[in-house]
C-alpha atoms as a PDB file:
ATOM      1  CA  MET A   1       3.667  44.719 -19.893  1.00  0.00           C
ATOM      2  CA  PRO A   2       6.590  44.802 -17.407  1.00  0.00           C
ATOM      3  CA  LEU A   3       5.942  45.916 -13.862  1.00  0.00           C
ATOM      4  CA  SER A   4       6.940  49.466 -13.010  1.00  0.00           C
ATOM      5  CA  ARG A   5       9.354  50.149 -10.177  1.00  0.00           C
ATOM      6  CA  ARG A   6       6.432  51.413  -8.120  1.00  0.00           C
ATOM      7  CA  GLU A   7       4.522  48.173  -8.727  1.00  0.00           C
ATOM      8  CA  ARG A   8       7.544  46.022  -7.814  1.00  0.00           C
ATOM      9  CA  PHE A   9       8.048  48.092  -4.663  1.00  0.00           C
ATOM     10  CA  SER A  10       4.387  47.646  -3.699  1.00  0.00           C
ATOM     11  CA  LEU A  11       4.521  43.858  -4.093  1.00  0.00           C
ATOM     12  CA  LYS A  12       7.833  43.510  -2.267  1.00  0.00           C
ATOM     13  CA  SER A  13       6.640  45.699   0.601  1.00  0.00           C
ATOM     14  CA  GLN A  14       3.558  43.526   1.064  1.00  0.00           C
ATOM     15  CA  LEU A  15       5.687  40.366   0.939  1.00  0.00           C
ATOM     16  CA  VAL A  16       7.992  41.657   3.670  1.00  0.00           C
ATOM     17  CA  ASP A  17       5.023  42.623   5.857  1.00  0.00           C
ATOM     18  CA  VAL A  18       3.386  39.190   5.545  1.00  0.00           C
ATOM     19  CA  ILE A  19       6.577  37.222   6.167  1.00  0.00           C
ATOM     20  CA  ASP A  20       7.470  39.359   9.191  1.00  0.00           C
ATOM     21  CA  ALA A  21       3.991  38.979  10.706  1.00  0.00           C
ATOM     22  CA  ASP A  22       3.055  35.378   9.799  1.00  0.00           C
ATOM     23  CA  ARG A  23       4.642  32.755  12.053  1.00  0.00           C
ATOM     24  CA  ASP A  24       4.036  30.071   9.427  1.00  0.00           C
ATOM     25  CA  TRP A  25       6.843  31.663   7.399  1.00  0.00           C
ATOM     26  CA  ASP A  26       9.777  30.527   9.510  1.00  0.00           C
ATOM     27  CA  PHE A  27      13.436  30.597   8.444  1.00  0.00           C
ATOM     28  CA  ARG A  28      13.409  27.155   6.787  1.00  0.00           C
ATOM     29  CA  ARG A  29      10.196  27.728   4.867  1.00  0.00           C
ATOM     30  CA  VAL A  30      11.341  31.139   3.606  1.00  0.00           C
ATOM     31  CA  ASN A  31      14.601  29.623   2.393  1.00  0.00           C
ATOM     32  CA  LEU A  32      12.735  26.798   0.674  1.00  0.00           C
ATOM     33  CA  LEU A  33      10.739  29.400  -1.233  1.00  0.00           C
ATOM     34  CA  LEU A  34      13.811  31.435  -2.152  1.00  0.00           C
ATOM     35  CA  ILE A  35      15.749  28.392  -3.373  1.00  0.00           C
ATOM     36  CA  GLU A  36      12.790  27.264  -5.489  1.00  0.00           C
ATOM     37  CA  TYR A  37      12.951  30.573  -7.374  1.00  0.00           C
ATOM     38  CA  GLY A  38      16.719  30.639  -7.708  1.00  0.00           C
ATOM     39  CA  CYS A  39      17.234  33.329  -5.084  1.00  0.00           C
ATOM     40  CA  GLN A  40      20.053  33.444  -2.532  1.00  0.00           C
ATOM     41  CA  PRO A  41      18.832  31.817   0.695  1.00  0.00           C
ATOM     42  CA  LEU A  42      19.029  33.730   3.947  1.00  0.00           C
ATOM     43  CA  GLY A  43      22.265  33.223   5.863  1.00  0.00           C
ATOM     44  CA  GLY A  44      24.135  32.463   2.663  1.00  0.00           C
ATOM     45  CA  PHE A  45      26.578  35.252   3.343  1.00  0.00           C
ATOM     46  CA  ASN A  46      27.029  34.345   7.043  1.00  0.00           C
ATOM     47  CA  SER A  47      25.747  37.813   7.847  1.00  0.00           C
ATOM     48  CA  ASP A  48      22.653  39.066   9.582  1.00  0.00           C
ATOM     49  CA  ASP A  49      22.685  41.987   7.170  1.00  0.00           C
ATOM     50  CA  PHE A  50      21.498  39.796   4.269  1.00  0.00           C
ATOM     51  CA  THR A  51      17.677  39.957   4.293  1.00  0.00           C
ATOM     52  CA  PHE A  52      14.695  38.579   2.433  1.00  0.00           C
ATOM     53  CA  GLU A  53      14.360  41.820   0.503  1.00  0.00           C
ATOM     54  CA  ASP A  54      18.020  41.529  -0.548  1.00  0.00           C
ATOM     55  CA  SER A  55      17.353  38.046  -1.878  1.00  0.00           C
ATOM     56  CA  ILE A  56      14.380  39.015  -4.066  1.00  0.00           C
ATOM     57  CA  LYS A  57      15.970  42.261  -5.276  1.00  0.00           C
ATOM     58  CA  ASP A  58      16.516  41.057  -8.858  1.00  0.00           C
ATOM     59  CA  VAL A  59      13.751  38.463  -9.195  1.00  0.00           C
ATOM     60  CA  SER A  60      11.831  38.590 -12.479  1.00  0.00           C
ATOM     61  CA  ASP A  61       8.359  40.118 -12.700  1.00  0.00           C
ATOM     62  CA  ALA A  62       6.746  36.730 -13.336  1.00  0.00           C
ATOM     63  CA  ASP A  63       8.516  35.111 -10.380  1.00  0.00           C
ATOM     64  CA  LEU A  64       7.705  38.077  -8.144  1.00  0.00           C
ATOM     65  CA  LEU A  65       4.003  37.685  -8.926  1.00  0.00           C
ATOM     66  CA  GLU A  66       4.180  33.934  -8.209  1.00  0.00           C
ATOM     67  CA  ILE A  67       6.047  34.472  -4.934  1.00  0.00           C
ATOM     68  CA  TYR A  68       3.451  37.054  -3.937  1.00  0.00           C
ATOM     69  CA  SER A  69       0.710  34.553  -4.775  1.00  0.00           C
ATOM     70  CA  ILE A  70       2.289  31.814  -2.646  1.00  0.00           C
ATOM     71  CA  VAL A  71       2.949  34.019   0.376  1.00  0.00           C
ATOM     72  CA  THR A  72      -0.367  35.905   0.440  1.00  0.00           C
ATOM     73  CA  GLY A  73      -2.672  33.234  -0.991  1.00  0.00           C
ATOM     74  CA  ALA A  74      -3.829  35.550  -3.790  1.00  0.00           C
ATOM     75  CA  ALA A  75      -3.910  34.277  -7.374  1.00  0.00           C
ATOM     76  CA  PRO A  76      -1.244  35.816  -9.653  1.00  0.00           C
ATOM     77  CA  ALA A  77      -4.005  37.545 -11.620  1.00  0.00           C
ATOM     78  CA  GLU A  78      -5.319  39.028  -8.359  1.00  0.00           C
ATOM     79  CA  ALA A  79      -1.852  40.329  -7.552  1.00  0.00           C
ATOM     80  CA  GLN A  80      -1.646  41.938 -10.968  1.00  0.00           C
ATOM     81  CA  GLY A  81      -5.082  43.410 -10.427  1.00  0.00           C
ATOM     82  CA  GLN A  82      -4.128  44.878  -7.062  1.00  0.00           C
ATOM     83  CA  ILE A  83      -1.084  46.712  -8.347  1.00  0.00           C
ATOM     84  CA  GLU A  84      -2.946  47.881 -11.445  1.00  0.00           C
ATOM     85  CA  ASP A  85      -5.723  49.190  -9.247  1.00  0.00           C
ATOM     86  CA  ALA A  86      -3.264  51.344  -7.342  1.00  0.00           C
ATOM     87  CA  GLU A  87      -2.355  53.035 -10.626  1.00  0.00           C
ATOM     88  CA  SER A  88      -5.830  53.040 -12.140  1.00  0.00           C
ATOM     89  CA  SER A  89      -7.799  56.145 -12.988  1.00  0.00           C
ATOM     90  CA  LEU A  90     -10.764  54.084 -14.161  1.00  0.00           C
ATOM     91  CA  TRP A  91     -12.140  53.619 -10.647  1.00  0.00           C
ATOM     92  CA  ASN A  92     -13.043  56.147  -7.972  1.00  0.00           C
ATOM     93  CA  SER A  93     -10.879  55.654  -4.900  1.00  0.00           C
ATOM     94  CA  GLY A  94     -12.719  54.089  -1.965  1.00  0.00           C
ATOM     95  CA  TYR A  95     -15.761  52.952  -3.963  1.00  0.00           C
ATOM     96  CA  VAL A  96     -16.771  49.326  -4.455  1.00  0.00           C
ATOM     97  CA  ARG A  97     -15.708  48.452  -8.009  1.00  0.00           C
ATOM     98  CA  VAL A  98     -18.554  46.763  -9.938  1.00  0.00           C
ATOM     99  CA  PHE A  99     -18.309  45.865 -13.627  1.00  0.00           C
ATOM    100  CA  LEU A 100     -21.702  46.227 -15.368  1.00  0.00           C
ATOM    101  CA  SER A 101     -21.820  43.858 -18.318  1.00  0.00           C
ATOM    102  CA  HIS A 102     -24.496  44.749 -20.880  1.00  0.00           C
ATOM    103  CA  SER A 103     -25.417  44.883 -24.532  1.00  0.00           C
ATOM    104  CA  ALA A 104     -24.438  48.090 -26.320  1.00  0.00           C
ATOM    105  CA  HIS A 105     -28.113  48.481 -27.315  1.00  0.00           C
ATOM    106  CA  HIS A 106     -28.944  49.376 -23.716  1.00  0.00           C
ATOM    107  CA  LYS A 107     -25.908  51.454 -22.745  1.00  0.00           C
ATOM    108  CA  ALA A 108     -27.995  54.595 -22.071  1.00  0.00           C
ATOM    109  CA  PHE A 109     -30.132  52.797 -19.489  1.00  0.00           C
ATOM    110  CA  VAL A 110     -27.094  51.089 -17.942  1.00  0.00           C
ATOM    111  CA  GLY A 111     -25.415  54.488 -17.702  1.00  0.00           C
ATOM    112  CA  GLN A 112     -28.391  55.727 -15.679  1.00  0.00           C
ATOM    113  CA  VAL A 113     -28.023  52.724 -13.349  1.00  0.00           C
ATOM    114  CA  ALA A 114     -24.350  53.575 -12.904  1.00  0.00           C
ATOM    115  CA  ASP A 115     -25.228  57.181 -12.031  1.00  0.00           C
ATOM    116  CA  GLU A 116     -27.636  55.961  -9.356  1.00  0.00           C
ATOM    117  CA  LEU A 117     -25.028  53.587  -7.929  1.00  0.00           C
ATOM    118  CA  ALA A 118     -22.457  56.382  -7.742  1.00  0.00           C
ATOM    119  CA  VAL A 119     -24.361  58.110  -4.934  1.00  0.00           C
ATOM    120  CA  SER A 120     -24.374  54.794  -3.055  1.00  0.00           C
ATOM    121  CA  GLY A 121     -20.598  54.394  -2.892  1.00  0.00           C
ATOM    122  CA  ILE A 122     -20.429  52.008  -5.850  1.00  0.00           C
ATOM    123  CA  HIS A 123     -18.416  52.812  -8.958  1.00  0.00           C
ATOM    124  CA  ALA A 124     -19.978  50.901 -11.819  1.00  0.00           C
ATOM    125  CA  PHE A 125     -17.773  50.362 -14.873  1.00  0.00           C
ATOM    126  CA  VAL A 126     -19.845  50.916 -18.013  1.00  0.00           C
ATOM    127  CA  ALA A 127     -17.926  50.428 -21.250  1.00  0.00           C
ATOM    128  CA  HIS A 128     -17.821  53.581 -23.404  1.00  0.00           C
ATOM    129  CA  ASP A 129     -18.859  55.732 -20.408  1.00  0.00           C
ATOM    130  CA  THR A 130     -16.131  54.832 -17.916  1.00  0.00           C
ATOM    131  CA  MET A 131     -13.305  54.490 -20.424  1.00  0.00           C
ATOM    132  CA  GLU A 132     -10.760  57.246 -20.977  1.00  0.00           C
ATOM    133  CA  TYR A 133     -10.305  58.966 -24.316  1.00  0.00           C
ATOM    134  CA  GLU A 134      -7.162  58.327 -26.361  1.00  0.00           C
ATOM    135  CA  GLN A 135      -6.621  54.957 -24.673  1.00  0.00           C
ATOM    136  CA  PRO A 136      -7.065  51.515 -26.337  1.00  0.00           C
ATOM    137  CA  TRP A 137     -10.672  50.601 -25.532  1.00  0.00           C
ATOM    138  CA  GLN A 138     -10.148  46.828 -25.342  1.00  0.00           C
ATOM    139  CA  ASP A 139      -7.214  47.268 -22.947  1.00  0.00           C
ATOM    140  CA  GLN A 140      -9.400  49.381 -20.685  1.00  0.00           C
ATOM    141  CA  ILE A 141     -12.188  46.803 -20.662  1.00  0.00           C
ATOM    142  CA  GLU A 142      -9.686  44.082 -19.758  1.00  0.00           C
ATOM    143  CA  HIS A 143      -8.238  46.336 -17.074  1.00  0.00           C
ATOM    144  CA  GLY A 144     -11.714  46.869 -15.649  1.00  0.00           C
ATOM    145  CA  LEU A 145     -12.291  43.107 -15.614  1.00  0.00           C
ATOM    146  CA  ARG A 146      -8.952  42.460 -13.908  1.00  0.00           C
ATOM    147  CA  THR A 147      -9.519  45.041 -11.187  1.00  0.00           C
ATOM    148  CA  MET A 148     -13.273  44.721 -10.548  1.00  0.00           C
ATOM    149  CA  GLN A 149     -14.398  43.523  -7.142  1.00  0.00           C
ATOM    150  CA  ALA A 150     -17.839  42.335  -8.258  1.00  0.00           C
ATOM    151  CA  PHE A 151     -19.661  41.632 -11.517  1.00  0.00           C
ATOM    152  CA  VAL A 152     -23.257  42.364 -12.540  1.00  0.00           C
ATOM    153  CA  ALA A 153     -24.769  41.240 -15.843  1.00  0.00           C
ATOM    154  CA  LEU A 154     -27.871  42.941 -17.228  1.00  0.00           C
ATOM    155  CA  VAL A 155     -29.118  40.231 -19.565  1.00  0.00           C
ATOM    156  CA  HIS A 156     -31.252  41.595 -22.379  1.00  0.00           C
ATOM    157  CA  PRO A 157     -31.872  39.298 -25.380  1.00  0.00           C
ATOM    158  CA  GLU A 158     -28.958  40.915 -27.256  1.00  0.00           C
ATOM    159  CA  PHE A 159     -26.645  39.966 -24.382  1.00  0.00           C
ATOM    160  CA  LEU A 160     -26.914  36.281 -25.272  1.00  0.00           C
ATOM    161  CA  THR A 161     -25.647  36.783 -28.825  1.00  0.00           C
ATOM    162  CA  SER A 162     -22.815  39.160 -27.932  1.00  0.00           C
ATOM    163  CA  PRO A 163     -19.392  37.471 -27.842  1.00  0.00           C
ATOM    164  CA  TRP A 164     -18.080  40.394 -25.805  1.00  0.00           C
ATOM    165  CA  CYS A 165     -20.697  39.917 -23.091  1.00  0.00           C
ATOM    166  CA  GLN A 166     -20.016  36.185 -22.968  1.00  0.00           C
ATOM    167  CA  GLN A 167     -16.282  36.794 -22.596  1.00  0.00           C
ATOM    168  CA  GLU A 168     -16.956  39.222 -19.751  1.00  0.00           C
ATOM    169  CA  VAL A 169     -18.994  36.540 -17.982  1.00  0.00           C
ATOM    170  CA  GLY A 170     -16.063  34.176 -18.485  1.00  0.00           C
ATOM    171  CA  TRP A 171     -13.713  36.666 -16.825  1.00  0.00           C
ATOM    172  CA  ALA A 172     -16.037  36.911 -13.808  1.00  0.00           C
ATOM    173  CA  LEU A 173     -16.321  33.133 -13.475  1.00  0.00           C
ATOM    174  CA  GLY A 174     -12.603  32.635 -13.952  1.00  0.00           C
ATOM    175  CA  ARG A 175     -11.659  35.228 -11.339  1.00  0.00           C
ATOM    176  CA  GLY A 176     -14.287  33.974  -8.905  1.00  0.00           C
ATOM    177  CA  VAL A 177     -15.541  37.452  -7.962  1.00  0.00           C
ATOM    178  CA  PRO A 178     -19.058  37.840  -6.532  1.00  0.00           C
ATOM    179  CA  ARG A 179     -21.538  37.977  -9.419  1.00  0.00           C
ATOM    180  CA  TYR A 180     -25.162  38.904  -9.900  1.00  0.00           C
ATOM    181  CA  VAL A 181     -27.575  38.781 -12.838  1.00  0.00           C
ATOM    182  CA  ILE A 182     -30.715  40.754 -13.677  1.00  0.00           C
ATOM    183  CA  ARG A 183     -32.855  39.290 -16.467  1.00  0.00           C
ATOM    184  CA  TYR A 184     -34.724  41.319 -19.122  1.00  0.00           C
ATOM    185  CA  PRO A 185     -36.322  38.697 -19.228  1.00  0.00           C
ATOM    186  CA  ALA A 186     -33.732  36.430 -20.856  1.00  0.00           C
ATOM    187  CA  ASP A 187     -32.064  33.699 -18.806  1.00  0.00           C
ATOM    188  CA  PRO A 188     -28.266  33.833 -18.997  1.00  0.00           C
ATOM    189  CA  ALA A 189     -26.577  30.995 -20.852  1.00  0.00           C
ATOM    190  CA  GLY A 190     -23.884  28.685 -19.524  1.00  0.00           C
ATOM    191  CA  PHE A 191     -22.603  28.202 -15.999  1.00  0.00           C
ATOM    192  CA  ILE A 192     -23.888  31.508 -14.669  1.00  0.00           C
ATOM    193  CA  GLY A 193     -27.434  30.441 -15.561  1.00  0.00           C
ATOM    194  CA  ARG A 194     -27.619  27.782 -12.856  1.00  0.00           C
ATOM    195  CA  THR A 195     -29.031  30.289 -10.344  1.00  0.00           C
ATOM    196  CA  GLN A 196     -32.559  31.725 -10.406  1.00  0.00           C
ATOM    197  CA  TRP A 197     -31.943  35.432 -10.920  1.00  0.00           C
ATOM    198  CA  PRO A 198     -34.441  38.314 -10.540  1.00  0.00           C
ATOM    199  CA  GLN A 199     -36.184  40.022 -13.453  1.00  0.00           C
ATOM    200  CA  GLY A 200     -35.820  43.727 -14.091  1.00  0.00           C
ATOM    201  CA  ASN A 201     -38.444  44.262 -16.809  1.00  0.00           C
ATOM    202  CA  GLU A 202     -40.659  46.588 -14.787  1.00  0.00           C
ATOM    203  CA  MET A 203     -37.842  48.405 -12.976  1.00  0.00           C
ATOM    204  CA  ASN A 204     -36.473  51.852 -13.677  1.00  0.00           C
ATOM    205  CA  ALA A 205     -32.785  52.711 -13.307  1.00  0.00           C
ATOM    206  CA  ARG A 206     -33.138  53.745  -9.658  1.00  0.00           C
ATOM    207  CA  GLU A 207     -34.879  50.491  -8.749  1.00  0.00           C
ATOM    208  CA  VAL A 208     -32.246  48.417 -10.531  1.00  0.00           C
ATOM    209  CA  ALA A 209     -29.501  50.319  -8.699  1.00  0.00           C
ATOM    210  CA  ALA A 210     -31.274  49.684  -5.386  1.00  0.00           C
ATOM    211  CA  LEU A 211     -31.375  45.962  -6.203  1.00  0.00           C
ATOM    212  CA  VAL A 212     -27.639  45.931  -6.942  1.00  0.00           C
ATOM    213  CA  LEU A 213     -26.871  47.963  -3.805  1.00  0.00           C
ATOM    214  CA  GLU A 214     -28.901  45.592  -1.645  1.00  0.00           C
ATOM    215  CA  TRP A 215     -26.956  42.622  -3.070  1.00  0.00           C
ATOM    216  CA  VAL A 216     -23.535  44.262  -2.682  1.00  0.00           C
ATOM    217  CA  SER A 217     -24.373  45.301   0.882  1.00  0.00           C
ATOM    218  CA  ARG A 218     -24.936  41.658   1.843  1.00  0.00           C
ATOM    219  CA  ILE A 219     -21.335  40.758   0.942  1.00  0.00           C
ATOM    220  CA  PRO A 220     -19.342  41.029   4.205  1.00  0.00           C
ATOM    221  CA  GLU A 221     -16.080  42.102   2.568  1.00  0.00           C
ATOM    222  CA  PHE A 222     -17.785  45.204   1.127  1.00  0.00           C
ATOM    223  CA  SER A 223     -19.717  46.454   4.175  1.00  0.00           C
ATOM    224  CA  ASP A 224     -17.084  48.930   5.421  1.00  0.00           C
ATOM    225  CA  GLN A 225     -16.192  49.901   1.872  1.00  0.00           C
ATOM    226  CA  ILE A 226     -19.820  50.755   1.117  1.00  0.00           C
ATOM    227  CA  VAL A 227     -19.865  53.182   4.043  1.00  0.00           C
ATOM    228  CA  ASP A 228     -16.543  54.720   3.010  1.00  0.00           C
ATOM    229  CA  GLY A 229     -17.792  55.035  -0.548  1.00  0.00           C
ATOM    230  CA  LEU A 230     -20.994  56.709   0.608  1.00  0.00           C
ATOM    231  CA  LEU A 231     -19.010  59.192   2.658  1.00  0.00           C
ATOM    232  CA  SER A 232     -16.729  59.869  -0.307  1.00  0.00           C
ATOM    233  CA  SER A 233     -19.783  60.399  -2.490  1.00  0.00           C
ATOM    234  CA  LEU A 234     -21.308  62.813   0.047  1.00  0.00           C
ATOM    235  CA  SER A 235     -18.034  64.689   0.376  1.00  0.00           C
ATOM    236  CA  GLY A 236     -17.829  65.142  -3.386  1.00  0.00           C
ATOM    237  CA  ALA A 237     -21.508  66.015  -3.932  1.00  0.00           C
ATOM    238  CA  GLN A 238     -21.773  69.059  -6.206  1.00  0.00           C
ATOM    239  CA  ASN A 239     -25.500  69.677  -5.815  1.00  0.00           C
ATOM    240  CA  TYR A 240     -28.098  69.310  -3.095  1.00  0.00           C
ATOM    241  CA  MET A 241     -30.012  66.601  -4.959  1.00  0.00           C
ATOM    242  CA  ASP A 242     -27.049  64.206  -5.033  1.00  0.00           C
ATOM    243  CA  ALA A 243     -26.206  65.135  -1.447  1.00  0.00           C
ATOM    244  CA  GLY A 244     -29.750  64.327  -0.350  1.00  0.00           C
ATOM    245  CA  ALA A 245     -29.818  61.013  -2.239  1.00  0.00           C
ATOM    246  CA  THR A 246     -26.548  59.934  -0.636  1.00  0.00           C
ATOM    247  CA  ALA A 247     -27.687  61.057   2.821  1.00  0.00           C
ATOM    248  CA  ARG A 248     -30.822  58.910   2.482  1.00  0.00           C
ATOM    249  CA  ARG A 249     -28.654  55.884   1.781  1.00  0.00           C
ATOM    250  CA  ILE A 250     -26.366  56.631   4.727  1.00  0.00           C
ATOM    251  CA  ALA A 251     -29.444  56.785   6.971  1.00  0.00           C
ATOM    252  CA  THR A 252     -30.210  53.133   6.127  1.00  0.00           C
ATOM    253  CA  ILE A 253     -26.965  51.928   7.737  1.00  0.00           C
ATOM    254  CA  ASP A 254     -27.418  50.386  11.192  1.00  0.00           C
ATOM    255  CA  THR A 255     -24.655  52.436  12.758  1.00  0.00           C
ATOM    256  CA  LEU A 256     -21.296  54.055  12.043  1.00  0.00           C
ATOM    257  CA  THR A 257     -17.920  53.720  13.708  1.00  0.00           C
ATOM    258  CA  PRO A 258     -16.680  56.697  15.775  1.00  0.00           C
ATOM    259  CA  GLN A 259     -14.309  57.570  12.951  1.00  0.00           C
ATOM    260  CA  GLN A 260     -17.146  57.489  10.410  1.00  0.00           C
ATOM    261  CA  TRP A 261     -19.342  59.721  12.591  1.00  0.00           C
ATOM    262  CA  THR A 262     -16.464  62.203  12.801  1.00  0.00           C
ATOM    263  CA  ARG A 263     -15.923  62.139   9.059  1.00  0.00           C
ATOM    264  CA  LEU A 264     -19.643  62.674   8.451  1.00  0.00           C
ATOM    265  CA  ALA A 265     -19.556  65.755  10.683  1.00  0.00           C
ATOM    266  CA  GLU A 266     -16.494  67.057   8.842  1.00  0.00           C
ATOM    267  CA  ILE A 267     -18.281  66.656   5.505  1.00  0.00           C
ATOM    268  CA  TYR A 268     -21.370  68.427   6.836  1.00  0.00           C
ATOM    269  CA  HIS A 269     -19.302  71.478   7.745  1.00  0.00           C
ATOM    270  CA  SER A 270     -16.952  71.475   4.736  1.00  0.00           C
ATOM    271  CA  ASN A 271     -19.366  70.962   1.808  1.00  0.00           C
ATOM    272  CA  ASP A 272     -21.988  73.697   1.348  1.00  0.00           C
ATOM    273  CA  GLN A 273     -24.141  71.341  -0.721  1.00  0.00           C
ATOM    274  CA  VAL A 274     -24.402  69.106   2.347  1.00  0.00           C
ATOM    275  CA  GLY A 275     -24.542  71.545   5.268  1.00  0.00           C
ATOM    276  CA  ARG A 276     -27.065  73.867   3.629  1.00  0.00           C
ATOM    277  CA  ALA A 277     -29.215  71.206   1.982  1.00  0.00           C
ATOM    278  CA  GLY A 278     -32.660  70.649   3.439  1.00  0.00           C
ATOM    279  CA  LEU A 279     -32.792  67.177   1.878  1.00  0.00           C
ATOM    280  CA  VAL A 280     -29.699  66.169   3.846  1.00  0.00           C
ATOM    281  CA  GLY A 281     -31.270  67.386   7.080  1.00  0.00           C
ATOM    282  CA  GLN A 282     -34.499  65.515   6.357  1.00  0.00           C
ATOM    283  CA  ALA A 283     -32.518  62.285   5.977  1.00  0.00           C
ATOM    284  CA  LEU A 284     -29.858  62.664   8.647  1.00  0.00           C
ATOM    285  CA  ALA A 285     -31.602  64.515  11.486  1.00  0.00           C
ATOM    286  CA  PRO A 286     -33.793  61.498  12.469  1.00  0.00           C
ATOM    287  CA  TYR A 287     -30.803  59.213  11.942  1.00  0.00           C
ATOM    288  CA  TYR A 288     -28.655  61.221  14.332  1.00  0.00           C
ATOM    289  CA  ARG A 289     -31.367  61.424  16.958  1.00  0.00           C
ATOM    290  CA  SER A 290     -32.076  57.683  16.757  1.00  0.00           C
ATOM    291  CA  HIS A 291     -28.426  57.121  17.686  1.00  0.00           C
ATOM    292  CA  GLY A 292     -28.555  59.621  20.554  1.00  0.00           C
ATOM    293  CA  LYS A 293     -26.507  62.254  18.743  1.00  0.00           C
ATOM    294  CA  PRO A 294     -27.300  65.980  18.477  1.00  0.00           C
ATOM    295  CA  TRP A 295     -28.328  67.515  15.178  1.00  0.00           C
ATOM    296  CA  PRO A 296     -26.788  69.359  13.464  1.00  0.00           C
ATOM    297  CA  PRO A 297     -23.427  67.784  14.273  1.00  0.00           C
ATOM    298  CA  ALA A 298     -20.828  69.898  15.999  1.00  0.00           C
ATOM    299  CA  GLN A 299     -17.744  70.722  14.000  1.00  0.00           C
ATOM    300  CA  PRO A 300     -14.956  68.289  14.986  1.00  0.00           C
ATOM    301  CA  VAL A 301     -12.198  69.871  17.046  1.00  0.00           C
ATOM    302  CA  GLU A 302      -8.683  69.607  15.688  1.00  0.00           C
ATOM    303  CA  PRO A 303      -6.356  67.857  18.179  1.00  0.00           C
ATOM    304  CA  ALA A 304      -3.965  70.229  19.861  1.00  0.00           C
ATOM    305  CA  SER A 305      -0.408  70.133  18.539  1.00  0.00           C
ATOM    306  CA  PHE A 306       2.559  70.436  20.864  1.00  0.00           C
END
């Protein structure tokens, strides 16, 4: 599928930012790259008005993705995933994107796990639950695999005989995203089976979600995103039970940045299911006091405009 104008603009904008900021991309190296892809080198018109963005104006989609890969260090598939993610309605904005691979026999249980993860700032893709109606289902699964940030396999016995599940594992291995396995009690086959993974036989959906959350939280690249996802989940809570569950998870975080404390106070005062919920107070009041902050939080003051 050809890139849209918005997607091409996004990639080109990121290229310009990297080349302007990275000293490794000097004049000679930039020209070497442009010549390799049949683009007009800089200075070719003896004019300072001819820029890098002028040179790549008409480059093909495939070459644009390769140039992006070379300049940023991201694989072409990652570049495609990034621009698709910007357009995607499959994932909740700000949440950590985790693909839950599972046998269709256990989709109800996996759906419960996904619901538990949602209040923890993790959007779990569950085929048939996450997918949109009136859209090709296989395309949506592939889109989820291209744009996921992490992969979790729930390996029941049926998982091992499912070609779909095995292909999903292959996607995760090929993309090199962080991956995790929970056994029921089957050991996964192939390369992903080299690690000793935990068993989930005696766990309910909430306990499995807690196991996944604990693993995701250990990945440094997701730490800030987990907090942002939790705050997004709290902001969007539509009942006091979900608000309380999310607040309990927020209270397990060591500390928040000043901006995150401010956002938490804004949510407390803007969402009735948060500000009026006793469960939220039970979770957050001790948390606030342990960080030397008054409870309930004062409503943030809007900066004066001049």
